Amino acid sequence: MKRTIAQAAAVLLTVAGLTATLPAPASASAAGPRCQGYECDEKLASTTACNAGSYVPKKEGAKVTTDRGVLRVFWGPDCSTNWGAFDPTVAGLYRVWIYREEVGDRPTIGSGRAPREVYANEIPGVRLRTTMFYAPDAQVMVCVDVPAKGRVAASSWVRYACTEWI
């Protein structure tokens, strides 16, 4: 019976009580981000590996604490992107937005995700994130909206809090 060299080596290793393993495939973050430049706009940092090494900048206004939760701007250095997050401390309906200032021929732009009802049993532990914007030179601001009181229309929202332009 004719055997290949690999089969023979595997048999010899097994007989000797040794095992050989192949290297594991690289993770998505080890392979680097899955977007570059403005193609990162309005994508999620967690699905593009842009969140690797991310942090809240140590600038005044990058983190805002309110009586309903904490609002933050995040910076992802691997993709030069920003995104926002709101960690509610009170149950309620919330909508979180991020805005990028005008840069070059690109106008000021905003991106919000669908409103999310947060229930008391989810607190703490729930974080409402925005999509991200490529912003190596532009400033961004993150805001959280709440439903307007006494309004009939379900689409009536009030700006509750914003970070500074960071």
C-alpha atoms as a PDB file:
ATOM      1  CA  MET A   1       0.000   0.000   0.000  1.00  0.00           C
ATOM      2  CA  LYS A   2       1.442   3.283  -1.096  1.00  0.00           C
ATOM      3  CA  ARG A   3       1.394   6.171   1.461  1.00  0.00           C
ATOM      4  CA  THR A   4       2.187   9.834   1.091  1.00  0.00           C
ATOM      5  CA  ILE A   5       4.910  11.466   3.127  1.00  0.00           C
ATOM      6  CA  ALA A   6       2.333  13.388   5.159  1.00  0.00           C
ATOM      7  CA  GLN A   7       0.436  10.202   6.025  1.00  0.00           C
ATOM      8  CA  ALA A   8       3.685   8.493   6.998  1.00  0.00           C
ATOM      9  CA  ALA A   9       4.708  11.437   9.181  1.00  0.00           C
ATOM     10  CA  ALA A  10       1.313  11.437  10.891  1.00  0.00           C
ATOM     11  CA  VAL A  11       1.618   7.712  11.604  1.00  0.00           C
ATOM     12  CA  LEU A  12       5.140   8.156  13.028  1.00  0.00           C
ATOM     13  CA  LEU A  13       4.046  11.033  15.255  1.00  0.00           C
ATOM     14  CA  THR A  14       1.056   9.046  16.503  1.00  0.00           C
ATOM     15  CA  VAL A  15       3.183   5.978  17.233  1.00  0.00           C
ATOM     16  CA  ALA A  16       5.652   8.175  19.119  1.00  0.00           C
ATOM     17  CA  GLY A  17       2.771   9.628  21.193  1.00  0.00           C
ATOM     18  CA  LEU A  18       3.148  13.093  19.738  1.00  0.00           C
ATOM     19  CA  THR A  19       0.560  15.242  18.081  1.00  0.00           C
ATOM     20  CA  ALA A  20       0.851  17.943  15.477  1.00  0.00           C
ATOM     21  CA  THR A  21      -1.531  20.845  15.157  1.00  0.00           C
ATOM     22  CA  LEU A  22      -2.002  23.338  12.405  1.00  0.00           C
ATOM     23  CA  PRO A  23      -2.035  27.032  13.311  1.00  0.00           C
ATOM     24  CA  ALA A  24      -5.501  28.391  14.079  1.00  0.00           C
ATOM     25  CA  PRO A  25      -6.953  30.826  11.560  1.00  0.00           C
ATOM     26  CA  ALA A  26      -6.409  34.472  12.433  1.00  0.00           C
ATOM     27  CA  SER A  27      -9.302  36.299  14.034  1.00  0.00           C
ATOM     28  CA  ALA A  28     -11.008  39.176  12.237  1.00  0.00           C
ATOM     29  CA  SER A  29      -9.382  41.790  14.463  1.00  0.00           C
ATOM     30  CA  ALA A  30      -5.946  40.219  14.043  1.00  0.00           C
ATOM     31  CA  ALA A  31      -6.449  40.423  10.294  1.00  0.00           C
ATOM     32  CA  GLY A  32      -7.165  44.138  10.633  1.00  0.00           C
ATOM     33  CA  PRO A  33     -10.238  46.260  10.039  1.00  0.00           C
ATOM     34  CA  ARG A  34     -12.697  45.392   7.291  1.00  0.00           C
ATOM     35  CA  CYS A  35     -13.180  48.954   6.056  1.00  0.00           C
ATOM     36  CA  GLN A  36     -11.018  51.978   5.289  1.00  0.00           C
ATOM     37  CA  GLY A  37     -11.653  55.682   5.098  1.00  0.00           C
ATOM     38  CA  TYR A  38     -15.128  56.904   4.252  1.00  0.00           C
ATOM     39  CA  GLU A  39     -16.304  53.362   3.430  1.00  0.00           C
ATOM     40  CA  CYS A  40     -16.458  52.908   7.240  1.00  0.00           C
ATOM     41  CA  ASP A  41     -19.220  55.538   7.464  1.00  0.00           C
ATOM     42  CA  GLU A  42     -22.475  54.295   8.989  1.00  0.00           C
ATOM     43  CA  LYS A  43     -21.126  50.803   9.735  1.00  0.00           C
ATOM     44  CA  LEU A  44     -20.858  49.220  13.171  1.00  0.00           C
ATOM     45  CA  ALA A  45     -17.423  49.256  14.783  1.00  0.00           C
ATOM     46  CA  SER A  46     -17.975  45.771  16.201  1.00  0.00           C
ATOM     47  CA  THR A  47     -18.660  44.178  12.813  1.00  0.00           C
ATOM     48  CA  THR A  48     -15.725  45.840  11.059  1.00  0.00           C
ATOM     49  CA  ALA A  49     -13.103  45.229  13.786  1.00  0.00           C
ATOM     50  CA  CYS A  50     -12.703  49.003  14.121  1.00  0.00           C
ATOM     51  CA  ASN A  51     -13.442  48.702  17.839  1.00  0.00           C
ATOM     52  CA  ALA A  52     -10.072  47.037  18.553  1.00  0.00           C
ATOM     53  CA  GLY A  53      -8.080  49.341  20.823  1.00  0.00           C
ATOM     54  CA  SER A  54     -10.917  51.876  21.023  1.00  0.00           C
ATOM     55  CA  TYR A  55     -11.248  54.344  23.876  1.00  0.00           C
ATOM     56  CA  VAL A  56     -13.117  57.416  25.079  1.00  0.00           C
ATOM     57  CA  PRO A  57     -10.896  60.452  24.390  1.00  0.00           C
ATOM     58  CA  LYS A  58      -9.645  62.304  27.461  1.00  0.00           C
ATOM     59  CA  LYS A  59     -11.278  65.516  26.344  1.00  0.00           C
ATOM     60  CA  GLU A  60     -13.799  67.585  28.250  1.00  0.00           C
ATOM     61  CA  GLY A  61     -17.292  66.661  27.052  1.00  0.00           C
ATOM     62  CA  ALA A  62     -16.436  63.274  25.496  1.00  0.00           C
ATOM     63  CA  LYS A  63     -18.337  61.618  28.363  1.00  0.00           C
ATOM     64  CA  VAL A  64     -21.569  63.129  29.660  1.00  0.00           C
ATOM     65  CA  THR A  65     -23.403  61.775  32.701  1.00  0.00           C
ATOM     66  CA  THR A  66     -27.127  62.546  32.961  1.00  0.00           C
ATOM     67  CA  ASP A  67     -29.891  61.424  35.309  1.00  0.00           C
ATOM     68  CA  ARG A  68     -30.888  58.841  32.650  1.00  0.00           C
ATOM     69  CA  GLY A  69     -27.479  57.415  31.802  1.00  0.00           C
ATOM     70  CA  VAL A  70     -23.994  57.991  30.427  1.00  0.00           C
ATOM     71  CA  LEU A  71     -23.319  59.193  26.885  1.00  0.00           C
ATOM     72  CA  ARG A  72     -19.863  58.693  25.343  1.00  0.00           C
ATOM     73  CA  VAL A  73     -17.878  59.308  22.157  1.00  0.00           C
ATOM     74  CA  PHE A  74     -15.490  56.480  21.229  1.00  0.00           C
ATOM     75  CA  TRP A  75     -12.380  56.713  19.036  1.00  0.00           C
ATOM     76  CA  GLY A  76     -11.163  53.708  17.051  1.00  0.00           C
ATOM     77  CA  PRO A  77      -7.530  54.396  16.089  1.00  0.00           C
ATOM     78  CA  ASP A  78      -7.259  51.423  13.712  1.00  0.00           C
ATOM     79  CA  CYS A  79      -9.894  52.927  11.386  1.00  0.00           C
ATOM     80  CA  SER A  80      -9.733  56.610  12.427  1.00  0.00           C
ATOM     81  CA  THR A  81     -13.432  56.433  13.270  1.00  0.00           C
ATOM     82  CA  ASN A  82     -15.764  57.679  15.992  1.00  0.00           C
ATOM     83  CA  TRP A  83     -19.023  56.257  17.265  1.00  0.00           C
ATOM     84  CA  GLY A  84     -21.223  56.838  20.257  1.00  0.00           C
ATOM     85  CA  ALA A  85     -22.779  54.829  23.036  1.00  0.00           C
ATOM     86  CA  PHE A  86     -25.440  55.471  25.642  1.00  0.00           C
ATOM     87  CA  ASP A  87     -25.562  53.339  28.807  1.00  0.00           C
ATOM     88  CA  PRO A  88     -29.030  53.966  30.266  1.00  0.00           C
ATOM     89  CA  THR A  89     -29.568  53.881  34.023  1.00  0.00           C
ATOM     90  CA  VAL A  90     -33.336  54.399  33.729  1.00  0.00           C
ATOM     91  CA  ALA A  91     -35.817  52.319  31.731  1.00  0.00           C
ATOM     92  CA  GLY A  92     -37.318  54.094  28.734  1.00  0.00           C
ATOM     93  CA  LEU A  93     -37.367  54.588  24.992  1.00  0.00           C
ATOM     94  CA  TYR A  94     -34.137  56.032  23.563  1.00  0.00           C
ATOM     95  CA  ARG A  95     -32.657  56.977  20.197  1.00  0.00           C
ATOM     96  CA  VAL A  96     -28.923  57.658  19.849  1.00  0.00           C
ATOM     97  CA  TRP A  97     -27.353  59.735  17.053  1.00  0.00           C
ATOM     98  CA  ILE A  98     -23.866  60.648  15.923  1.00  0.00           C
ATOM     99  CA  TYR A  99     -22.981  63.687  13.823  1.00  0.00           C
ATOM    100  CA  ARG A 100     -19.795  64.493  11.897  1.00  0.00           C
ATOM    101  CA  GLU A 101     -18.978  68.095  11.062  1.00  0.00           C
ATOM    102  CA  GLU A 102     -18.442  69.253   7.499  1.00  0.00           C
ATOM    103  CA  VAL A 103     -15.065  68.210   6.160  1.00  0.00           C
ATOM    104  CA  GLY A 104     -13.772  69.091   2.684  1.00  0.00           C
ATOM    105  CA  ASP A 105     -16.574  68.561   0.185  1.00  0.00           C
ATOM    106  CA  ARG A 106     -18.502  66.340   2.615  1.00  0.00           C
ATOM    107  CA  PRO A 107     -21.379  68.104   4.407  1.00  0.00           C
ATOM    108  CA  THR A 108     -22.276  67.694   8.068  1.00  0.00           C
ATOM    109  CA  ILE A 109     -23.921  64.293   8.400  1.00  0.00           C
ATOM    110  CA  GLY A 110     -25.878  62.467  11.070  1.00  0.00           C
ATOM    111  CA  SER A 111     -26.703  58.831  11.609  1.00  0.00           C
ATOM    112  CA  GLY A 112     -29.172  57.374  14.079  1.00  0.00           C
ATOM    113  CA  ARG A 113     -30.183  53.831  14.795  1.00  0.00           C
ATOM    114  CA  ALA A 114     -33.739  52.690  15.372  1.00  0.00           C
ATOM    115  CA  PRO A 115     -35.233  53.674  18.739  1.00  0.00           C
ATOM    116  CA  ARG A 116     -34.823  51.045  21.443  1.00  0.00           C
ATOM    117  CA  GLU A 117     -37.020  50.377  24.468  1.00  0.00           C
ATOM    118  CA  VAL A 118     -34.836  49.606  27.482  1.00  0.00           C
ATOM    119  CA  TYR A 119     -36.450  47.663  30.319  1.00  0.00           C
ATOM    120  CA  ALA A 120     -35.499  47.845  34.015  1.00  0.00           C
ATOM    121  CA  ASN A 121     -34.299  44.215  34.067  1.00  0.00           C
ATOM    122  CA  GLU A 122     -31.688  45.072  31.373  1.00  0.00           C
ATOM    123  CA  ILE A 123     -30.025  47.741  33.525  1.00  0.00           C
ATOM    124  CA  PRO A 124     -27.099  47.751  34.037  1.00  0.00           C
ATOM    125  CA  GLY A 125     -25.693  45.931  31.065  1.00  0.00           C
ATOM    126  CA  VAL A 126     -27.382  47.402  28.022  1.00  0.00           C
ATOM    127  CA  ARG A 127     -25.437  49.752  25.765  1.00  0.00           C
ATOM    128  CA  LEU A 128     -27.039  51.525  22.821  1.00  0.00           C
ATOM    129  CA  ARG A 129     -24.428  52.157  20.121  1.00  0.00           C
ATOM    130  CA  THR A 130     -24.413  54.322  17.035  1.00  0.00           C
ATOM    131  CA  THR A 131     -22.841  53.495  13.729  1.00  0.00           C
ATOM    132  CA  MET A 132     -19.478  55.120  13.099  1.00  0.00           C
ATOM    133  CA  PHE A 133     -18.022  57.877  10.985  1.00  0.00           C
ATOM    134  CA  TYR A 134     -14.547  58.173   9.528  1.00  0.00           C
ATOM    135  CA  ALA A 135     -13.245  61.306  11.208  1.00  0.00           C
ATOM    136  CA  PRO A 136      -9.459  61.659  11.281  1.00  0.00           C
ATOM    137  CA  ASP A 137      -9.728  65.452  10.997  1.00  0.00           C
ATOM    138  CA  ALA A 138     -13.411  66.207  11.634  1.00  0.00           C
ATOM    139  CA  GLN A 139     -15.147  66.549  14.972  1.00  0.00           C
ATOM    140  CA  VAL A 140     -18.136  64.453  16.005  1.00  0.00           C
ATOM    141  CA  MET A 141     -20.947  64.827  18.521  1.00  0.00           C
ATOM    142  CA  VAL A 142     -23.171  62.109  20.010  1.00  0.00           C
ATOM    143  CA  CYS A 143     -26.724  62.790  21.220  1.00  0.00           C
ATOM    144  CA  VAL A 144     -29.529  60.842  22.860  1.00  0.00           C
ATOM    145  CA  ASP A 145     -33.198  61.610  22.219  1.00  0.00           C
ATOM    146  CA  VAL A 146     -36.276  60.692  24.250  1.00  0.00           C
ATOM    147  CA  PRO A 147     -39.967  60.772  23.267  1.00  0.00           C
ATOM    148  CA  ALA A 148     -41.658  64.135  23.664  1.00  0.00           C
ATOM    149  CA  LYS A 149     -44.134  64.206  26.550  1.00  0.00           C
ATOM    150  CA  GLY A 150     -47.757  64.882  25.701  1.00  0.00           C
ATOM    151  CA  ARG A 151     -47.249  64.588  21.952  1.00  0.00           C
ATOM    152  CA  VAL A 152     -49.655  62.491  19.917  1.00  0.00           C
ATOM    153  CA  ALA A 153     -47.270  61.621  17.106  1.00  0.00           C
ATOM    154  CA  ALA A 154     -44.985  58.663  17.825  1.00  0.00           C
ATOM    155  CA  SER A 155     -42.288  60.386  15.782  1.00  0.00           C
ATOM    156  CA  SER A 156     -41.978  63.326  18.198  1.00  0.00           C
ATOM    157  CA  TRP A 157     -38.588  63.281  19.888  1.00  0.00           C
ATOM    158  CA  VAL A 158     -36.755  65.685  22.173  1.00  0.00           C
ATOM    159  CA  ARG A 159     -33.002  66.058  22.267  1.00  0.00           C
ATOM    160  CA  TYR A 160     -32.137  64.995  25.819  1.00  0.00           C
ATOM    161  CA  ALA A 161     -28.331  65.289  25.960  1.00  0.00           C
ATOM    162  CA  CYS A 162     -25.268  65.617  23.730  1.00  0.00           C
ATOM    163  CA  THR A 163     -21.539  65.337  24.125  1.00  0.00           C
ATOM    164  CA  GLU A 164     -19.395  68.265  23.109  1.00  0.00           C
ATOM    165  CA  TRP A 165     -18.010  68.331  19.571  1.00  0.00           C
ATOM    166  CA  ILE A 166     -14.956  66.110  19.986  1.00  0.00           C
END
